[in-house]
């Protein structure tokens, strides 16, 4: 992100025990340097510094759209129209009122022209305006053509993903098998699934790889929007929509199933009925006694099973 770490040195302290040191006034206060300072040199440097800071802050967080706070707009290379950002373009060009044949997304990496929001100058993609000098985005990525004044998102460019992410590079790592960035907390524990993020959310069908909403990894390794997973739980859906494995620890629920089945007597004609089941959690096939409530997997004790 182009940040520079500045090291602050602490003042040195010396202790002199049982030593008497006699110093003259000139030794304590050395004479001023004889180097001549040009008139107005210091004030000129100070003015330049103030001007640079002014251009960096001019219009800060005052321009942009609902997606980004930035001081420029982009010209879409696909339709040659001007938009506040690529999301504004995609929402407008994929509207339900647009002819299906004309709907399209902007190729973000192909953006070549931006328009300064303060002076209106159209120019090639760069961080500072060539006309008024204003910084068009405190965070700037020349690869993704991304400008954003709100750096609290801790944006960073992931070379593995090929796009910019949020949350701080120190908090994420790129898994080359899954093809996406995960929290460092999952570095040694997440199950790898080939191209785990390169598909739509199984609930809302938004493409997860480029989604701006939080994405979470289920125990099976499949990915889903965090909000969609919470909505599933609100509707008592606890199985992955893709592979049907349990998305959380269900052991307490299975214990209640045990009690329910023990309290539910089967009719006589079904008491000796046997069926084949497939466990969605462990993948084992078993031959078990049939019950109206559910069939229990003898291998992992899960009731997340189905008849085969």
C-alpha atoms as a PDB file:
ATOM      1  CA  UNK A   1       0.000   0.000   0.000  1.00  0.00           C
ATOM      2  CA  UNK A   2       3.015   2.249  -0.189  1.00  0.00           C
ATOM      3  CA  UNK A   3       3.165   2.966   3.532  1.00  0.00           C
ATOM      4  CA  UNK A   4       6.539   3.921   4.991  1.00  0.00           C
ATOM      5  CA  UNK A   5       7.575   2.883   8.475  1.00  0.00           C
ATOM      6  CA  UNK A   6       9.317   5.692  10.348  1.00  0.00           C
ATOM      7  CA  UNK A   7      11.692   4.777  13.151  1.00  0.00           C
ATOM      8  CA  UNK A   8      11.740   7.147  16.126  1.00  0.00           C
ATOM      9  CA  UNK A   9      15.054   7.267  18.019  1.00  0.00           C
ATOM     10  CA  UNK A  10      14.989   7.851  21.755  1.00  0.00           C
ATOM     11  CA  UNK A  11      17.269  10.487  23.359  1.00  0.00           C
ATOM     12  CA  UNK A  12      20.452   8.964  24.778  1.00  0.00           C
ATOM     13  CA  UNK A  13      20.990   9.262  28.520  1.00  0.00           C
ATOM     14  CA  UNK A  14      24.377   8.972  30.248  1.00  0.00           C
ATOM     15  CA  UNK A  15      25.036   8.427  33.922  1.00  0.00           C
ATOM     16  CA  UNK A  16      28.326   9.733  35.367  1.00  0.00           C
ATOM     17  CA  UNK A  17      29.122   8.427  38.826  1.00  0.00           C
ATOM     18  CA  UNK A  18      31.958   9.958  40.898  1.00  0.00           C
ATOM     19  CA  UNK A  19      33.272  11.868  37.910  1.00  0.00           C
ATOM     20  CA  UNK A  20      33.627  15.644  37.911  1.00  0.00           C
ATOM     21  CA  UNK A  21      33.502  17.228  34.521  1.00  0.00           C
ATOM     22  CA  UNK A  22      34.267  20.934  34.042  1.00  0.00           C
ATOM     23  CA  UNK A  23      32.859  22.408  30.845  1.00  0.00           C
ATOM     24  CA  UNK A  24      32.913  25.986  29.620  1.00  0.00           C
ATOM     25  CA  UNK A  25      29.813  27.811  28.487  1.00  0.00           C
ATOM     26  CA  UNK A  26      30.932  27.528  24.856  1.00  0.00           C
ATOM     27  CA  UNK A  27      31.295  23.759  25.227  1.00  0.00           C
ATOM     28  CA  UNK A  28      27.793  23.443  26.654  1.00  0.00           C
ATOM     29  CA  UNK A  29      26.310  25.808  24.064  1.00  0.00           C
ATOM     30  CA  UNK A  30      28.381  25.457  20.893  1.00  0.00           C
ATOM     31  CA  UNK A  31      28.506  28.488  18.608  1.00  0.00           C
ATOM     32  CA  UNK A  32      26.030  28.689  15.750  1.00  0.00           C
ATOM     33  CA  UNK A  33      27.095  27.361  12.387  1.00  0.00           C
ATOM     34  CA  UNK A  34      28.647  29.839  10.000  1.00  0.00           C
ATOM     35  CA  UNK A  35      26.685  28.358   7.084  1.00  0.00           C
ATOM     36  CA  UNK A  36      24.639  31.138   5.526  1.00  0.00           C
ATOM     37  CA  UNK A  37      20.930  30.515   4.983  1.00  0.00           C
ATOM     38  CA  UNK A  38      19.421  31.947   1.878  1.00  0.00           C
ATOM     39  CA  UNK A  39      16.685  34.501   2.645  1.00  0.00           C
ATOM     40  CA  UNK A  40      13.263  32.984   2.511  1.00  0.00           C
ATOM     41  CA  UNK A  41      14.568  29.417   1.946  1.00  0.00           C
ATOM     42  CA  UNK A  42      12.928  27.937   5.046  1.00  0.00           C
ATOM     43  CA  UNK A  43       9.643  29.753   4.474  1.00  0.00           C
ATOM     44  CA  UNK A  44       9.612  28.590   0.846  1.00  0.00           C
ATOM     45  CA  UNK A  45      10.038  24.935   1.869  1.00  0.00           C
ATOM     46  CA  UNK A  46       7.338  25.313   4.493  1.00  0.00           C
ATOM     47  CA  UNK A  47       4.960  26.832   1.939  1.00  0.00           C
ATOM     48  CA  UNK A  48       5.580  24.016  -0.540  1.00  0.00           C
ATOM     49  CA  UNK A  49       4.863  21.459   2.177  1.00  0.00           C
ATOM     50  CA  UNK A  50       1.613  23.209   3.070  1.00  0.00           C
ATOM     51  CA  UNK A  51       0.578  23.313  -0.573  1.00  0.00           C
ATOM     52  CA  UNK A  52       1.196  19.578  -0.949  1.00  0.00           C
ATOM     53  CA  UNK A  53      -0.875  18.840   2.180  1.00  0.00           C
ATOM     54  CA  UNK A  54      -3.628  21.130   0.911  1.00  0.00           C
ATOM     55  CA  UNK A  55      -3.842  19.271  -2.406  1.00  0.00           C
ATOM     56  CA  UNK A  56      -3.860  15.947  -0.576  1.00  0.00           C
ATOM     57  CA  UNK A  57      -6.802  17.030   1.606  1.00  0.00           C
ATOM     58  CA  UNK A  58      -8.760  19.250  -0.827  1.00  0.00           C
ATOM     59  CA  UNK A  59     -12.188  17.722  -1.334  1.00  0.00           C
ATOM     60  CA  UNK A  60     -11.284  14.746   0.864  1.00  0.00           C
ATOM     61  CA  UNK A  61     -14.332  12.501   1.490  1.00  0.00           C
ATOM     62  CA  UNK A  62     -16.586  15.075  -0.245  1.00  0.00           C
ATOM     63  CA  UNK A  63     -16.897  13.300  -3.602  1.00  0.00           C
ATOM     64  CA  UNK A  64     -17.744   9.827  -4.779  1.00  0.00           C
ATOM     65  CA  UNK A  65     -20.738   7.494  -4.640  1.00  0.00           C
ATOM     66  CA  UNK A  66     -22.330   4.944  -2.349  1.00  0.00           C
ATOM     67  CA  UNK A  67     -19.519   2.502  -3.130  1.00  0.00           C
ATOM     68  CA  UNK A  68     -16.377   4.669  -2.832  1.00  0.00           C
ATOM     69  CA  UNK A  69     -15.360   8.092  -1.558  1.00  0.00           C
ATOM     70  CA  UNK A  70     -13.048   9.367  -4.290  1.00  0.00           C
ATOM     71  CA  UNK A  71     -12.239  12.527  -6.214  1.00  0.00           C
ATOM     72  CA  UNK A  72     -12.547  11.214  -9.745  1.00  0.00           C
ATOM     73  CA  UNK A  73     -14.876   9.405 -12.112  1.00  0.00           C
ATOM     74  CA  UNK A  74     -14.042   6.794 -14.735  1.00  0.00           C
ATOM     75  CA  UNK A  75     -14.741   6.476 -18.434  1.00  0.00           C
ATOM     76  CA  UNK A  76     -15.899   2.952 -19.180  1.00  0.00           C
ATOM     77  CA  UNK A  77     -13.861   1.434 -22.028  1.00  0.00           C
ATOM     78  CA  UNK A  78     -16.768  -0.858 -22.982  1.00  0.00           C
ATOM     79  CA  UNK A  79     -19.441   1.773 -23.644  1.00  0.00           C
ATOM     80  CA  UNK A  80     -17.412   5.031 -23.469  1.00  0.00           C
ATOM     81  CA  UNK A  81     -19.746   6.450 -20.791  1.00  0.00           C
ATOM     82  CA  UNK A  82     -18.708   8.157 -17.548  1.00  0.00           C
ATOM     83  CA  UNK A  83     -19.548   6.654 -14.143  1.00  0.00           C
ATOM     84  CA  UNK A  84     -18.545   7.265 -10.533  1.00  0.00           C
ATOM     85  CA  UNK A  85     -17.114   3.743 -10.253  1.00  0.00           C
ATOM     86  CA  UNK A  86     -17.286   0.276 -11.795  1.00  0.00           C
ATOM     87  CA  UNK A  87     -20.106  -0.793  -9.461  1.00  0.00           C
ATOM     88  CA  UNK A  88     -22.219   2.162 -10.574  1.00  0.00           C
ATOM     89  CA  UNK A  89     -21.565   1.102 -14.174  1.00  0.00           C
ATOM     90  CA  UNK A  90     -22.448  -2.557 -13.551  1.00  0.00           C
ATOM     91  CA  UNK A  91     -25.647  -1.692 -11.690  1.00  0.00           C
ATOM     92  CA  UNK A  92     -26.760   0.677 -14.455  1.00  0.00           C
ATOM     93  CA  UNK A  93     -25.837  -1.621 -17.333  1.00  0.00           C
ATOM     94  CA  UNK A  94     -27.385  -4.726 -15.762  1.00  0.00           C
ATOM     95  CA  UNK A  95     -30.660  -3.100 -14.775  1.00  0.00           C
ATOM     96  CA  UNK A  96     -33.803  -5.130 -15.421  1.00  0.00           C
ATOM     97  CA  UNK A  97     -34.981  -2.441 -17.839  1.00  0.00           C
ATOM     98  CA  UNK A  98     -31.893  -2.872 -20.045  1.00  0.00           C
ATOM     99  CA  UNK A  99     -32.155  -5.175 -23.043  1.00  0.00           C
ATOM    100  CA  UNK A 100     -30.664  -8.542 -22.064  1.00  0.00           C
ATOM    101  CA  UNK A 101     -28.336  -8.478 -25.070  1.00  0.00           C
ATOM    102  CA  UNK A 102     -26.905  -5.091 -24.018  1.00  0.00           C
ATOM    103  CA  UNK A 103     -26.200  -5.953 -20.365  1.00  0.00           C
ATOM    104  CA  UNK A 104     -22.523  -6.163 -19.441  1.00  0.00           C
ATOM    105  CA  UNK A 105     -19.885  -5.586 -16.739  1.00  0.00           C
ATOM    106  CA  UNK A 106     -16.986  -3.209 -17.058  1.00  0.00           C
ATOM    107  CA  UNK A 107     -13.534  -4.760 -17.652  1.00  0.00           C
ATOM    108  CA  UNK A 108     -11.952  -3.073 -14.630  1.00  0.00           C
ATOM    109  CA  UNK A 109      -8.343  -3.576 -15.666  1.00  0.00           C
ATOM    110  CA  UNK A 110      -8.961  -1.939 -19.051  1.00  0.00           C
ATOM    111  CA  UNK A 111     -10.003   1.465 -17.673  1.00  0.00           C
ATOM    112  CA  UNK A 112      -7.623   4.041 -19.153  1.00  0.00           C
ATOM    113  CA  UNK A 113      -9.252   7.447 -18.586  1.00  0.00           C
ATOM    114  CA  UNK A 114     -10.401   9.189 -15.400  1.00  0.00           C
ATOM    115  CA  UNK A 115     -12.027  12.583 -14.849  1.00  0.00           C
ATOM    116  CA  UNK A 116     -11.022  14.754 -11.895  1.00  0.00           C
ATOM    117  CA  UNK A 117     -14.087  15.602  -9.811  1.00  0.00           C
ATOM    118  CA  UNK A 118     -12.683  18.985  -8.788  1.00  0.00           C
ATOM    119  CA  UNK A 119     -11.544  20.505 -12.105  1.00  0.00           C
ATOM    120  CA  UNK A 120     -13.160  18.143 -14.623  1.00  0.00           C
ATOM    121  CA  UNK A 121      -9.916  17.314 -16.433  1.00  0.00           C
ATOM    122  CA  UNK A 122      -9.957  13.993 -18.281  1.00  0.00           C
ATOM    123  CA  UNK A 123      -6.619  12.208 -18.182  1.00  0.00           C
ATOM    124  CA  UNK A 124      -4.865   8.870 -18.104  1.00  0.00           C
ATOM    125  CA  UNK A 125      -5.195   6.817 -14.921  1.00  0.00           C
ATOM    126  CA  UNK A 126      -2.941   8.234 -12.179  1.00  0.00           C
ATOM    127  CA  UNK A 127      -3.264   9.182  -8.521  1.00  0.00           C
ATOM    128  CA  UNK A 128      -2.817  12.962  -8.792  1.00  0.00           C
ATOM    129  CA  UNK A 129      -4.638  15.222 -11.263  1.00  0.00           C
ATOM    130  CA  UNK A 130      -2.332  16.589 -13.983  1.00  0.00           C
ATOM    131  CA  UNK A 131      -4.218  19.904 -13.977  1.00  0.00           C
ATOM    132  CA  UNK A 132      -5.060  20.899 -10.400  1.00  0.00           C
ATOM    133  CA  UNK A 133      -2.715  18.446  -8.662  1.00  0.00           C
ATOM    134  CA  UNK A 134      -5.339  17.124  -6.255  1.00  0.00           C
ATOM    135  CA  UNK A 135      -5.012  13.561  -4.957  1.00  0.00           C
ATOM    136  CA  UNK A 136      -7.930  11.675  -6.503  1.00  0.00           C
ATOM    137  CA  UNK A 137      -7.759   8.834  -3.993  1.00  0.00           C
ATOM    138  CA  UNK A 138      -5.598   8.274  -0.907  1.00  0.00           C
ATOM    139  CA  UNK A 139      -5.582   4.588  -1.782  1.00  0.00           C
ATOM    140  CA  UNK A 140      -4.673   4.039  -5.406  1.00  0.00           C
ATOM    141  CA  UNK A 141      -4.023   0.835  -7.331  1.00  0.00           C
ATOM    142  CA  UNK A 142      -2.765   1.257 -10.874  1.00  0.00           C
ATOM    143  CA  UNK A 143      -3.479  -2.396 -11.687  1.00  0.00           C
ATOM    144  CA  UNK A 144      -7.144  -2.399 -10.642  1.00  0.00           C
ATOM    145  CA  UNK A 145      -7.629   1.299 -11.480  1.00  0.00           C
ATOM    146  CA  UNK A 146      -9.026   1.704  -7.980  1.00  0.00           C
ATOM    147  CA  UNK A 147      -9.273   5.044  -6.136  1.00  0.00           C
ATOM    148  CA  UNK A 148     -10.592   5.325  -2.578  1.00  0.00           C
ATOM    149  CA  UNK A 149     -10.258   8.063   0.042  1.00  0.00           C
ATOM    150  CA  UNK A 150     -11.582   5.840   2.821  1.00  0.00           C
ATOM    151  CA  UNK A 151      -8.376   4.046   3.797  1.00  0.00           C
ATOM    152  CA  UNK A 152      -9.948   2.731   7.015  1.00  0.00           C
ATOM    153  CA  UNK A 153     -10.874  -0.325   4.921  1.00  0.00           C
ATOM    154  CA  UNK A 154      -7.159  -1.239   4.908  1.00  0.00           C
ATOM    155  CA  UNK A 155      -7.107  -1.963   1.187  1.00  0.00           C
ATOM    156  CA  UNK A 156      -4.289  -3.989  -0.355  1.00  0.00           C
ATOM    157  CA  UNK A 157      -3.636  -5.533  -3.749  1.00  0.00           C
ATOM    158  CA  UNK A 158      -3.356  -9.330  -3.817  1.00  0.00           C
ATOM    159  CA  UNK A 159      -1.190 -10.519  -6.685  1.00  0.00           C
ATOM    160  CA  UNK A 160      -2.599 -14.039  -6.345  1.00  0.00           C
ATOM    161  CA  UNK A 161      -6.203 -12.851  -6.707  1.00  0.00           C
ATOM    162  CA  UNK A 162      -5.223 -10.164  -9.192  1.00  0.00           C
ATOM    163  CA  UNK A 163      -7.551  -7.652  -7.509  1.00  0.00           C
ATOM    164  CA  UNK A 164      -7.636  -5.410  -4.433  1.00  0.00           C
ATOM    165  CA  UNK A 165      -8.945  -6.727  -1.131  1.00  0.00           C
ATOM    166  CA  UNK A 166      -9.860  -5.041   2.166  1.00  0.00           C
ATOM    167  CA  UNK A 167      -8.955  -5.865   5.757  1.00  0.00           C
ATOM    168  CA  UNK A 168      -5.156  -5.420   5.721  1.00  0.00           C
ATOM    169  CA  UNK A 169      -2.604  -7.658   4.013  1.00  0.00           C
ATOM    170  CA  UNK A 170      -1.193  -8.738   7.384  1.00  0.00           C
ATOM    171  CA  UNK A 171      -4.553 -10.296   8.299  1.00  0.00           C
ATOM    172  CA  UNK A 172      -4.964 -12.448   5.180  1.00  0.00           C
ATOM    173  CA  UNK A 173      -3.089 -15.018   3.122  1.00  0.00           C
ATOM    174  CA  UNK A 174      -3.674 -16.263  -0.423  1.00  0.00           C
ATOM    175  CA  UNK A 175      -4.450 -19.954  -0.851  1.00  0.00           C
ATOM    176  CA  UNK A 176      -3.388 -20.897  -4.370  1.00  0.00           C
ATOM    177  CA  UNK A 177      -5.447 -24.087  -4.418  1.00  0.00           C
ATOM    178  CA  UNK A 178      -8.662 -22.378  -3.351  1.00  0.00           C
ATOM    179  CA  UNK A 179      -7.672 -19.382  -5.499  1.00  0.00           C
ATOM    180  CA  UNK A 180      -8.578 -16.699  -2.978  1.00  0.00           C
ATOM    181  CA  UNK A 181      -7.606 -14.861   0.204  1.00  0.00           C
ATOM    182  CA  UNK A 182      -8.529 -16.235   3.625  1.00  0.00           C
ATOM    183  CA  UNK A 183      -8.060 -14.955   7.155  1.00  0.00           C
ATOM    184  CA  UNK A 184      -4.716 -15.945   8.678  1.00  0.00           C
ATOM    185  CA  UNK A 185      -6.765 -17.726  11.384  1.00  0.00           C
ATOM    186  CA  UNK A 186      -7.641 -20.349   8.749  1.00  0.00           C
ATOM    187  CA  UNK A 187      -4.136 -20.782   7.365  1.00  0.00           C
ATOM    188  CA  UNK A 188      -3.541 -24.249   8.813  1.00  0.00           C
ATOM    189  CA  UNK A 189      -7.116 -25.392   9.352  1.00  0.00           C
ATOM    190  CA  UNK A 190      -9.298 -24.621   6.338  1.00  0.00           C
ATOM    191  CA  UNK A 191     -10.215 -27.507   3.990  1.00  0.00           C
ATOM    192  CA  UNK A 192      -8.966 -26.696   0.480  1.00  0.00           C
ATOM    193  CA  UNK A 193     -11.508 -26.806  -2.326  1.00  0.00           C
ATOM    194  CA  UNK A 194     -10.364 -26.132  -5.881  1.00  0.00           C
ATOM    195  CA  UNK A 195     -11.565 -22.651  -6.898  1.00  0.00           C
ATOM    196  CA  UNK A 196     -13.652 -22.308  -3.721  1.00  0.00           C
ATOM    197  CA  UNK A 197     -14.441 -18.634  -4.305  1.00  0.00           C
ATOM    198  CA  UNK A 198     -14.801 -18.755  -8.070  1.00  0.00           C
ATOM    199  CA  UNK A 199     -18.517 -19.463  -8.082  1.00  0.00           C
ATOM    200  CA  UNK A 200     -21.799 -17.840  -7.093  1.00  0.00           C
ATOM    201  CA  UNK A 201     -23.106 -17.751  -3.536  1.00  0.00           C
ATOM    202  CA  UNK A 202     -25.391 -20.825  -3.260  1.00  0.00           C
ATOM    203  CA  UNK A 203     -28.115 -18.670  -1.665  1.00  0.00           C
ATOM    204  CA  UNK A 204     -28.175 -15.256  -3.411  1.00  0.00           C
ATOM    205  CA  UNK A 205     -26.149 -16.248  -6.520  1.00  0.00           C
ATOM    206  CA  UNK A 206     -23.795 -13.254  -6.376  1.00  0.00           C
ATOM    207  CA  UNK A 207     -20.292 -14.023  -7.706  1.00  0.00           C
ATOM    208  CA  UNK A 208     -18.274 -14.494  -4.511  1.00  0.00           C
ATOM    209  CA  UNK A 209     -14.775 -13.783  -5.857  1.00  0.00           C
ATOM    210  CA  UNK A 210     -15.573 -10.120  -6.505  1.00  0.00           C
ATOM    211  CA  UNK A 211     -18.221  -9.652  -3.820  1.00  0.00           C
ATOM    212  CA  UNK A 212     -17.952  -6.643  -1.502  1.00  0.00           C
ATOM    213  CA  UNK A 213     -19.902  -8.479   1.225  1.00  0.00           C
ATOM    214  CA  UNK A 214     -18.271 -10.688   3.866  1.00  0.00           C
ATOM    215  CA  UNK A 215     -17.685 -14.276   2.779  1.00  0.00           C
ATOM    216  CA  UNK A 216     -17.212 -17.192   5.172  1.00  0.00           C
ATOM    217  CA  UNK A 217     -15.876 -20.731   4.748  1.00  0.00           C
ATOM    218  CA  UNK A 218     -18.069 -23.600   5.908  1.00  0.00           C
ATOM    219  CA  UNK A 219     -16.528 -26.730   7.520  1.00  0.00           C
ATOM    220  CA  UNK A 220     -16.886 -28.585   4.214  1.00  0.00           C
ATOM    221  CA  UNK A 221     -14.701 -25.972   2.490  1.00  0.00           C
ATOM    222  CA  UNK A 222     -17.431 -24.356   0.401  1.00  0.00           C
ATOM    223  CA  UNK A 223     -17.881 -20.603   0.635  1.00  0.00           C
ATOM    224  CA  UNK A 224     -20.982 -18.499   1.187  1.00  0.00           C
ATOM    225  CA  UNK A 225     -21.933 -14.955   2.138  1.00  0.00           C
ATOM    226  CA  UNK A 226     -21.871 -14.572   5.903  1.00  0.00           C
ATOM    227  CA  UNK A 227     -25.265 -12.840   5.825  1.00  0.00           C
ATOM    228  CA  UNK A 228     -26.731 -15.656   3.709  1.00  0.00           C
ATOM    229  CA  UNK A 229     -25.453 -18.272   6.166  1.00  0.00           C
ATOM    230  CA  UNK A 230     -27.055 -16.367   9.046  1.00  0.00           C
ATOM    231  CA  UNK A 231     -30.322 -16.224   7.101  1.00  0.00           C
ATOM    232  CA  UNK A 232     -30.162 -19.998   6.584  1.00  0.00           C
ATOM    233  CA  UNK A 233     -29.808 -20.517  10.325  1.00  0.00           C
ATOM    234  CA  UNK A 234     -32.797 -18.249  10.980  1.00  0.00           C
ATOM    235  CA  UNK A 235     -34.826 -20.627   8.807  1.00  0.00           C
ATOM    236  CA  UNK A 236     -33.378 -23.700  10.579  1.00  0.00           C
ATOM    237  CA  UNK A 237     -31.275 -24.766   7.606  1.00  0.00           C
ATOM    238  CA  UNK A 238     -28.015 -26.244   8.905  1.00  0.00           C
ATOM    239  CA  UNK A 239     -26.673 -28.069   5.858  1.00  0.00           C
ATOM    240  CA  UNK A 240     -24.434 -26.768   3.081  1.00  0.00           C
ATOM    241  CA  UNK A 241     -26.586 -26.012   0.019  1.00  0.00           C
ATOM    242  CA  UNK A 242     -23.899 -27.548  -2.213  1.00  0.00           C
ATOM    243  CA  UNK A 243     -22.880 -30.802  -0.513  1.00  0.00           C
ATOM    244  CA  UNK A 244     -25.449 -31.136   2.329  1.00  0.00           C
ATOM    245  CA  UNK A 245     -22.802 -31.472   5.062  1.00  0.00           C
ATOM    246  CA  UNK A 246     -23.584 -29.887   8.432  1.00  0.00           C
ATOM    247  CA  UNK A 247     -22.386 -26.278   8.675  1.00  0.00           C
ATOM    248  CA  UNK A 248     -21.946 -26.374  12.471  1.00  0.00           C
ATOM    249  CA  UNK A 249     -21.637 -28.756  15.415  1.00  0.00           C
ATOM    250  CA  UNK A 250     -24.952 -30.609  15.549  1.00  0.00           C
ATOM    251  CA  UNK A 251     -24.114 -33.074  18.343  1.00  0.00           C
ATOM    252  CA  UNK A 252     -26.617 -31.515  20.805  1.00  0.00           C
ATOM    253  CA  UNK A 253     -29.344 -31.723  18.156  1.00  0.00           C
ATOM    254  CA  UNK A 254     -28.555 -35.378  17.478  1.00  0.00           C
ATOM    255  CA  UNK A 255     -28.935 -36.102  21.203  1.00  0.00           C
ATOM    256  CA  UNK A 256     -32.477 -34.683  21.053  1.00  0.00           C
ATOM    257  CA  UNK A 257     -33.151 -36.896  18.034  1.00  0.00           C
ATOM    258  CA  UNK A 258     -32.073 -39.898  20.132  1.00  0.00           C
ATOM    259  CA  UNK A 259     -34.619 -38.997  22.819  1.00  0.00           C
ATOM    260  CA  UNK A 260     -37.363 -38.344  20.271  1.00  0.00           C
ATOM    261  CA  UNK A 261     -36.792 -41.686  18.508  1.00  0.00           C
ATOM    262  CA  UNK A 262     -36.653 -43.586  21.796  1.00  0.00           C
ATOM    263  CA  UNK A 263     -39.994 -42.052  22.780  1.00  0.00           C
ATOM    264  CA  UNK A 264     -41.634 -42.767  19.409  1.00  0.00           C
ATOM    265  CA  UNK A 265     -42.751 -46.399  19.049  1.00  0.00           C
ATOM    266  CA  UNK A 266     -42.923 -47.678  15.487  1.00  0.00           C
ATOM    267  CA  UNK A 267     -46.020 -49.589  14.232  1.00  0.00           C
ATOM    268  CA  UNK A 268     -45.541 -53.337  14.245  1.00  0.00           C
ATOM    269  CA  UNK A 269     -45.315 -53.659  10.443  1.00  0.00           C
ATOM    270  CA  UNK A 270     -42.294 -51.317  10.404  1.00  0.00           C
ATOM    271  CA  UNK A 271     -40.396 -52.606  13.438  1.00  0.00           C
ATOM    272  CA  UNK A 272     -38.183 -54.957  11.401  1.00  0.00           C
ATOM    273  CA  UNK A 273     -37.882 -52.836   8.275  1.00  0.00           C
ATOM    274  CA  UNK A 274     -34.254 -52.153   7.185  1.00  0.00           C
ATOM    275  CA  UNK A 275     -33.084 -49.474   4.731  1.00  0.00           C
ATOM    276  CA  UNK A 276     -29.833 -48.334   3.144  1.00  0.00           C
ATOM    277  CA  UNK A 277     -28.741 -44.799   4.006  1.00  0.00           C
ATOM    278  CA  UNK A 278     -25.992 -42.416   2.920  1.00  0.00           C
ATOM    279  CA  UNK A 279     -24.546 -40.097   5.564  1.00  0.00           C
ATOM    280  CA  UNK A 280     -24.078 -36.557   4.243  1.00  0.00           C
ATOM    281  CA  UNK A 281     -21.503 -35.784   6.949  1.00  0.00           C
ATOM    282  CA  UNK A 282     -19.072 -38.710   6.712  1.00  0.00           C
ATOM    283  CA  UNK A 283     -20.051 -40.138   3.336  1.00  0.00           C
ATOM    284  CA  UNK A 284     -20.517 -43.702   4.617  1.00  0.00           C
ATOM    285  CA  UNK A 285     -23.285 -46.024   3.395  1.00  0.00           C
ATOM    286  CA  UNK A 286     -24.998 -48.174   6.019  1.00  0.00           C
ATOM    287  CA  UNK A 287     -27.831 -50.697   6.415  1.00  0.00           C
ATOM    288  CA  UNK A 288     -29.948 -49.529   9.376  1.00  0.00           C
ATOM    289  CA  UNK A 289     -33.373 -49.947  10.906  1.00  0.00           C
ATOM    290  CA  UNK A 290     -36.024 -47.662   9.462  1.00  0.00           C
ATOM    291  CA  UNK A 291     -37.704 -44.978  11.585  1.00  0.00           C
ATOM    292  CA  UNK A 292     -40.252 -42.295  10.746  1.00  0.00           C
ATOM    293  CA  UNK A 293     -38.263 -39.518  12.480  1.00  0.00           C
ATOM    294  CA  UNK A 294     -34.783 -40.110  11.021  1.00  0.00           C
ATOM    295  CA  UNK A 295     -32.081 -42.708  10.396  1.00  0.00           C
ATOM    296  CA  UNK A 296     -28.868 -42.523  12.398  1.00  0.00           C
ATOM    297  CA  UNK A 297     -25.447 -43.093  10.841  1.00  0.00           C
ATOM    298  CA  UNK A 298     -23.687 -45.832  12.892  1.00  0.00           C
ATOM    299  CA  UNK A 299     -20.295 -44.455  11.836  1.00  0.00           C
ATOM    300  CA  UNK A 300     -20.398 -40.786  12.937  1.00  0.00           C
ATOM    301  CA  UNK A 301     -23.702 -40.805  14.902  1.00  0.00           C
ATOM    302  CA  UNK A 302     -25.175 -38.109  12.631  1.00  0.00           C
ATOM    303  CA  UNK A 303     -28.834 -37.936  11.611  1.00  0.00           C
ATOM    304  CA  UNK A 304     -27.923 -35.922   8.510  1.00  0.00           C
ATOM    305  CA  UNK A 305     -28.666 -38.948   6.303  1.00  0.00           C
ATOM    306  CA  UNK A 306     -30.806 -39.902   3.321  1.00  0.00           C
ATOM    307  CA  UNK A 307     -32.139 -43.180   1.994  1.00  0.00           C
ATOM    308  CA  UNK A 308     -30.463 -44.664  -1.076  1.00  0.00           C
END
